[in-house]
Each structure stands twice: as structure tokens, then as C-alpha cells.
């Protein structure tokens, strides 16, 4: 909201510039300033995805069988899993620890991809809260595993506005 608000106020402050030289009255100058404010708001809103999030990054990310007590169980640290193992588990969990500076509170989500095709989006229920050096730990599960499941997977960690924080990649081999 700060970015949008500053764009509006900056454009509204242009009223004296639009009136300069007495070419326009104050009413017309304020109308031009209001039109500029609407344009500035639209440009800032459209360009917000280009602004990187507060310095958020993945402190740790791993795919695992599940997560218990905020710890991944049977994690695939090398990023390779056998299809038979994954089918036996019945689900996959993407465990991510997101670093954020103290005072930051940011809603995030996990976007699951398989061979370049989006297969799921999970809006995580608790927003990232900054201040923890090891990162704010969270996870999502993917349970719709149907053979064949072999392929290249990735889980994009994104903000609520769609900005990419980090990416977890792993492969399920036949």
C-alpha cells in the first residue's frame, strides 16, 4: 500500500506545476493532477510484480515423505526419488524454510509443477514471520499421485502477489 499511496500523493503534488504560468485555473490543475494520480496508481499496480519482495529467500528447501513437528521425514537431500518409493508413501511434502528480516509478515504459497505443467497451488495458512535466522519453516503436501509419476518436479515458493521467493527442484525416477 505504501507504493500505491506514494504514487498517488506524488501525482497530486503536481497541481502547482499544471497551473504554472496561469495557463490553467486551480480547478483544471487539480483535475490534471487527479488524472495523473489515477494513471500513476495503474502503472504502479501493473508493475508491482517487477519489484522484488522484501529480502526473502529460501534458507532451506527439501522434498520429503512428510513433515512431523516441523521437521521433514525421509528427506531426499539429493533431490532424487524412486517412483516406487513415492507411490508407497502416498504423498510428497515440500518443506521450505523462508528467511525474512525481523518485522516482516508475508503471505506465501507453494506452486507444484511436473514436467513444466502446473499441478497444484497451495496457499500456506500461516504467513512468513521474519526474524528467525534459520528461516520460517512451512510445508505443503501433494497427495494426488497417480502412475506414472516419474518426471521433473519443482515447487515455486511465491508471495501472495506472485513474486518468486525461491524454487525447490527434484526428480522422480522410474
Foldseek 3Di string as FASTA:
>chain_A
DVQLVVLLVVLQVCLCVQCPPVPDDSVVSNVRSNVSSVVSNVVCVVCVLVDADALKAWLDKWKALDADPLHGHHTPPVQEAEQVVNVVSQKMKIKTFMAHAAPDWFWKWKFKDFQRHTDDIGGFPGTWHHDDPSGHIDMDMDRPDDPPPFTKMKIFIATPVGHTRDMDIHTHHD
